[in-house]
Amino acid sequence: MNRFFIADDFALAQSYTLPENVFHHWTRVLRAKVGEQAIVFNGKGGEYFVELSNIDKKSAQVNILDFYPKNRNLAVKVTLGQVMSKGDRMDYAIQKATELGVHQIQLLTSERCEMRLKYDRDQKKIEHWQAVAIAACEQCGLNLVPEVLAPMSVQDWTRQVQADLKLVLALSDGKMQFAQPLPQNIALLVGAEGGLSDAEITDSVQQGFVKWTIGKRVLRTETAPVAALGVLNFLAE
């Protein structure tokens, strides 16, 4: 069944006019007809079962039939601190992190960060990455949309993030041992393509982060959060 994100509140038995983007996608691109059903969610939890009741030339209405309090989110809340990268790599990291149930994504800058947003285009890029997260939720069935937060430096973030367990992906002398069950709030720091600098790693450890090495290979910046979140998903089940 098709799923659509709509940033609005709904009430059962309500007749609701679809926003233009959902109207166009569902009735024009997917050629839906009156009587067809779909799921809509607003990112605040749960999902609504709706049925197309009317289609006009420039709008369409649905009836809100039922509500399901399902979120399908990860059992623990993981805040991902991701140093920004250029092009499709950042889109991929955000998309896959969302699919794997990340709670929040904090954009970061670092010494080796190859991307520097200018103030006049910050919001446009952030809105794009937020849209990537929303589309990932539509596809994978998640109903709580992770917020993509405006960039800050690695140093600033590591000093202010609150979590029961703080992890930084970096070379470690020993094997990471996770307590079971996992703590409810986890912070995960992932560096740029060239990795975090020695100074940044040292500073993060001083702020309570624990170095975590995943396997014997060096992972790309967009692959690292996927691998890490996959492990945390497994451990949290």
Protein backbone atom coordinates (compact mmCIF):
# COMPACT_ATOMS: atom_id res chain seq x y z
CA MET A 1 0.00 0.00 0.00
CA ASN A 2 1.26 3.50 -0.86
CA ARG A 3 2.51 5.65 2.02
CA PHE A 4 2.64 9.45 2.07
CA PHE A 5 4.05 11.95 4.55
CA ILE A 6 1.80 14.93 5.31
CA ALA A 7 2.91 17.48 7.90
CA ASP A 8 -0.54 18.00 9.36
CA ASP A 9 -2.83 16.72 12.10
CA PHE A 10 -5.67 14.35 11.34
CA ALA A 11 -8.87 13.20 13.02
CA LEU A 12 -10.75 9.96 12.47
CA ALA A 13 -13.82 10.23 10.20
CA GLN A 14 -12.46 13.56 8.90
CA SER A 15 -12.63 14.51 5.24
CA TYR A 16 -9.25 15.92 4.32
CA THR A 17 -7.94 17.70 1.22
CA LEU A 18 -4.57 16.36 0.15
CA PRO A 19 -1.63 18.78 -0.21
CA GLU A 20 -0.61 19.46 -3.80
CA ASN A 21 2.48 17.25 -3.83
CA VAL A 22 0.62 14.19 -2.51
CA PHE A 23 -2.35 14.90 -4.79
CA HIS A 24 -0.05 15.04 -7.83
CA HIS A 25 1.96 11.95 -6.92
CA TRP A 26 -0.96 9.73 -5.97
CA THR A 27 -3.58 10.73 -8.54
CA ARG A 28 -1.44 11.88 -11.47
CA VAL A 29 1.78 9.86 -11.27
CA LEU A 30 0.32 6.70 -9.71
CA ARG A 31 -3.10 7.26 -11.36
CA ALA A 32 -5.11 6.42 -8.24
CA LYS A 33 -8.91 6.31 -8.51
CA VAL A 34 -11.72 7.09 -6.08
CA GLY A 35 -12.02 4.26 -3.58
CA GLU A 36 -8.31 3.44 -3.50
CA GLN A 37 -6.65 3.43 -0.11
CA ALA A 38 -3.28 4.48 1.29
CA ILE A 39 -1.44 5.21 4.52
CA VAL A 40 -0.51 8.73 5.59
CA PHE A 41 1.68 9.76 8.53
CA ASN A 42 2.74 13.11 9.96
CA GLY A 43 5.96 12.12 11.71
CA LYS A 44 4.46 12.49 15.18
CA GLY A 45 3.82 8.80 15.69
CA GLY A 46 1.46 6.23 14.21
CA GLU A 47 -0.17 6.14 10.79
CA TYR A 48 -3.59 6.81 9.31
CA PHE A 49 -5.55 4.61 6.93
CA VAL A 50 -7.27 6.78 4.27
CA GLU A 51 -9.50 6.31 1.24
CA LEU A 52 -9.81 8.57 -1.80
CA SER A 53 -13.33 10.00 -1.76
CA ASN A 54 -13.14 12.63 -4.49
CA ILE A 55 -10.75 13.73 -7.25
CA ASP A 56 -11.09 17.11 -8.96
CA LYS A 57 -8.93 18.72 -11.61
CA LYS A 58 -6.61 20.38 -9.08
CA SER A 59 -7.34 18.66 -5.78
CA ALA A 60 -8.46 15.45 -4.10
CA GLN A 61 -10.10 14.54 -0.82
CA VAL A 62 -9.72 11.49 1.40
CA ASN A 63 -11.67 10.09 4.31
CA ILE A 64 -9.63 9.25 7.43
CA LEU A 65 -10.75 5.72 8.25
CA ASP A 66 -8.54 4.41 11.02
CA PHE A 67 -5.40 5.01 13.08
CA TYR A 68 -2.63 2.51 13.81
CA PRO A 69 -0.24 3.39 16.67
CA LYS A 70 2.76 1.75 15.01
CA ASN A 71 6.17 3.36 14.63
CA ARG A 72 8.53 0.44 13.82
CA ASN A 73 11.38 2.45 15.28
CA LEU A 74 14.61 1.12 16.76
CA ALA A 75 14.29 -0.03 20.37
CA VAL A 76 16.94 2.54 21.41
CA LYS A 77 17.34 6.20 20.41
CA VAL A 78 20.48 6.80 18.37
CA THR A 79 21.63 10.34 17.57
CA LEU A 80 23.99 10.26 14.59
CA GLY A 81 26.65 12.96 14.42
CA GLN A 82 27.65 12.80 10.73
CA VAL A 83 30.41 14.93 9.25
CA MET A 84 29.09 16.25 5.94
CA SER A 85 30.29 14.96 2.59
CA LYS A 86 29.67 16.10 -0.98
CA GLY A 87 27.23 14.83 -3.57
CA ASP A 88 25.21 11.65 -3.32
CA ARG A 89 27.26 10.26 -0.44
CA MET A 90 25.49 12.45 2.11
CA ASP A 91 22.08 11.61 0.65
CA TYR A 92 22.95 7.91 0.92
CA ALA A 93 24.10 8.22 4.54
CA ILE A 94 20.92 10.03 5.59
CA GLN A 95 18.64 7.73 3.62
CA LYS A 96 20.11 4.51 4.99
CA ALA A 97 20.50 5.83 8.54
CA THR A 98 16.79 6.68 8.46
CA GLU A 99 15.87 3.23 7.17
CA LEU A 100 17.84 1.73 10.05
CA GLY A 101 15.87 3.72 12.60
CA VAL A 102 18.13 6.62 13.60
CA HIS A 103 16.40 9.01 15.99
CA GLN A 104 18.15 12.25 15.00
CA ILE A 105 20.87 13.37 12.58
CA GLN A 106 23.26 16.14 13.57
CA LEU A 107 25.22 17.55 10.63
CA LEU A 108 28.84 18.22 11.53
CA THR A 109 31.93 20.00 10.22
CA SER A 110 35.48 18.85 10.98
CA GLU A 111 39.10 19.48 10.03
CA ARG A 112 38.81 17.13 7.05
CA CYS A 113 35.24 18.00 6.11
CA GLU A 114 35.13 18.65 2.36
CA MET A 115 31.86 20.57 2.54
CA ARG A 116 31.33 24.06 3.92
CA LEU A 117 27.81 25.36 3.69
CA LYS A 118 27.36 29.09 3.21
CA TYR A 119 24.70 30.81 5.28
CA ASP A 120 22.49 31.70 2.32
CA ARG A 121 22.24 28.07 1.20
CA ASP A 122 22.33 26.29 4.55
CA GLN A 123 18.57 26.01 4.85
CA LYS A 124 18.11 24.80 1.29
CA LYS A 125 20.52 21.89 1.80
CA ILE A 126 19.07 21.05 5.21
CA GLU A 127 15.57 21.00 3.72
CA HIS A 128 16.82 18.70 0.95
CA TRP A 129 18.35 16.26 3.46
CA GLN A 130 15.20 16.40 5.58
CA ALA A 131 13.20 15.49 2.47
CA VAL A 132 15.56 12.54 1.90
CA ALA A 133 14.78 11.33 5.43
CA ILE A 134 11.03 11.76 4.88
CA ALA A 135 11.14 9.80 1.60
CA ALA A 136 13.07 7.02 3.36
CA CYS A 137 10.36 6.85 6.03
CA GLU A 138 7.67 6.61 3.36
CA GLN A 139 9.51 3.71 1.75
CA CYS A 140 10.50 1.68 4.80
CA GLY A 141 7.44 2.05 7.03
CA LEU A 142 8.81 4.27 9.80
CA ASN A 143 6.37 6.80 11.20
CA LEU A 144 8.74 8.91 13.33
CA VAL A 145 10.84 11.10 11.03
CA PRO A 146 14.38 11.85 12.27
CA GLU A 147 15.13 15.56 12.41
CA VAL A 148 18.15 16.73 10.40
CA LEU A 149 19.83 19.48 12.44
CA ALA A 150 21.84 22.46 11.17
CA PRO A 151 25.63 21.99 11.06
CA MET A 152 27.93 22.54 13.99
CA SER A 153 31.56 21.60 14.64
CA VAL A 154 32.55 18.18 15.96
CA GLN A 155 34.04 19.83 19.05
CA ASP A 156 30.85 21.75 19.86
CA TRP A 157 28.65 18.69 19.41
CA THR A 158 30.75 16.31 21.49
CA ARG A 159 30.67 18.83 24.34
CA GLN A 160 26.91 19.21 24.41
CA VAL A 161 25.35 15.92 23.26
CA GLN A 162 23.62 13.99 26.03
CA ALA A 163 23.62 10.18 25.84
CA ASP A 164 24.03 7.12 28.04
CA LEU A 165 26.57 5.67 25.59
CA LYS A 166 28.77 7.75 23.27
CA LEU A 167 30.57 6.03 20.40
CA VAL A 168 33.12 7.39 17.93
CA LEU A 169 34.09 5.29 14.92
CA ALA A 170 37.88 5.17 15.16
CA LEU A 171 40.72 2.68 15.40
CA SER A 172 40.77 1.03 18.81
CA ASP A 173 43.27 -1.16 20.61
CA GLY A 174 40.63 -3.56 21.90
CA LYS A 175 37.31 -5.10 20.93
CA MET A 176 34.21 -3.14 21.89
CA GLN A 177 32.10 -4.93 24.50
CA PHE A 178 28.48 -3.79 24.59
CA ALA A 179 26.44 -4.08 27.77
CA GLN A 180 23.10 -5.84 27.45
CA PRO A 181 20.54 -4.50 27.25
CA LEU A 182 21.79 -1.48 25.34
CA PRO A 183 21.26 1.91 27.01
CA GLN A 184 18.24 3.82 25.77
CA ASN A 185 20.14 6.83 24.39
CA ILE A 186 23.23 6.45 22.19
CA ALA A 187 25.35 9.06 20.38
CA LEU A 188 27.32 7.90 17.33
CA LEU A 189 30.06 10.05 15.78
CA VAL A 190 31.13 9.41 12.17
CA GLY A 191 33.93 11.38 10.52
CA ALA A 192 34.53 12.64 7.01
CA GLU A 193 35.97 10.64 4.09
CA GLY A 194 39.47 11.15 5.48
CA GLY A 195 38.33 10.30 8.99
CA LEU A 196 38.49 12.39 12.11
CA SER A 197 41.83 13.95 12.98
CA ASP A 198 43.83 12.58 15.92
CA ALA A 199 43.02 15.76 17.85
CA GLU A 200 39.28 15.36 17.21
CA ILE A 201 39.32 11.72 18.31
CA THR A 202 41.31 12.57 21.43
CA ASP A 203 38.94 15.41 22.23
CA SER A 204 35.85 13.22 21.75
CA VAL A 205 37.30 10.58 24.11
CA GLN A 206 37.89 13.30 26.68
CA GLN A 207 34.19 14.16 26.35
CA GLY A 208 33.17 10.59 27.21
CA PHE A 209 33.11 8.95 23.76
CA VAL A 210 34.38 5.37 23.41
CA LYS A 211 36.37 4.38 20.31
CA TRP A 212 34.63 1.69 18.25
CA THR A 213 36.21 -0.19 15.34
CA ILE A 214 33.88 -2.25 13.12
CA GLY A 215 35.79 -5.17 11.63
CA LYS A 216 39.19 -4.98 9.97
CA ARG A 217 38.30 -2.79 7.02
CA VAL A 218 38.23 0.96 6.54
CA LEU A 219 34.67 2.03 5.73
CA ARG A 220 33.66 5.01 3.63
CA THR A 221 31.94 7.90 5.36
CA GLU A 222 28.53 6.97 3.91
CA THR A 223 28.97 3.25 4.67
CA ALA A 224 30.17 3.61 8.26
CA PRO A 225 26.84 4.79 9.79
CA VAL A 226 24.98 2.02 7.94
CA ALA A 227 27.29 -0.68 9.32
CA ALA A 228 27.24 0.81 12.83
CA LEU A 229 23.45 1.20 12.94
CA GLY A 230 23.06 -2.32 11.56
CA VAL A 231 25.07 -3.69 14.51
CA LEU A 232 23.08 -1.59 16.99
CA ASN A 233 19.82 -2.82 15.43
CA PHE A 234 20.98 -6.41 15.93
CA LEU A 235 22.04 -5.81 19.52
CA ALA A 236 18.85 -3.92 20.38
CA GLU A 237 16.50 -6.69 19.24
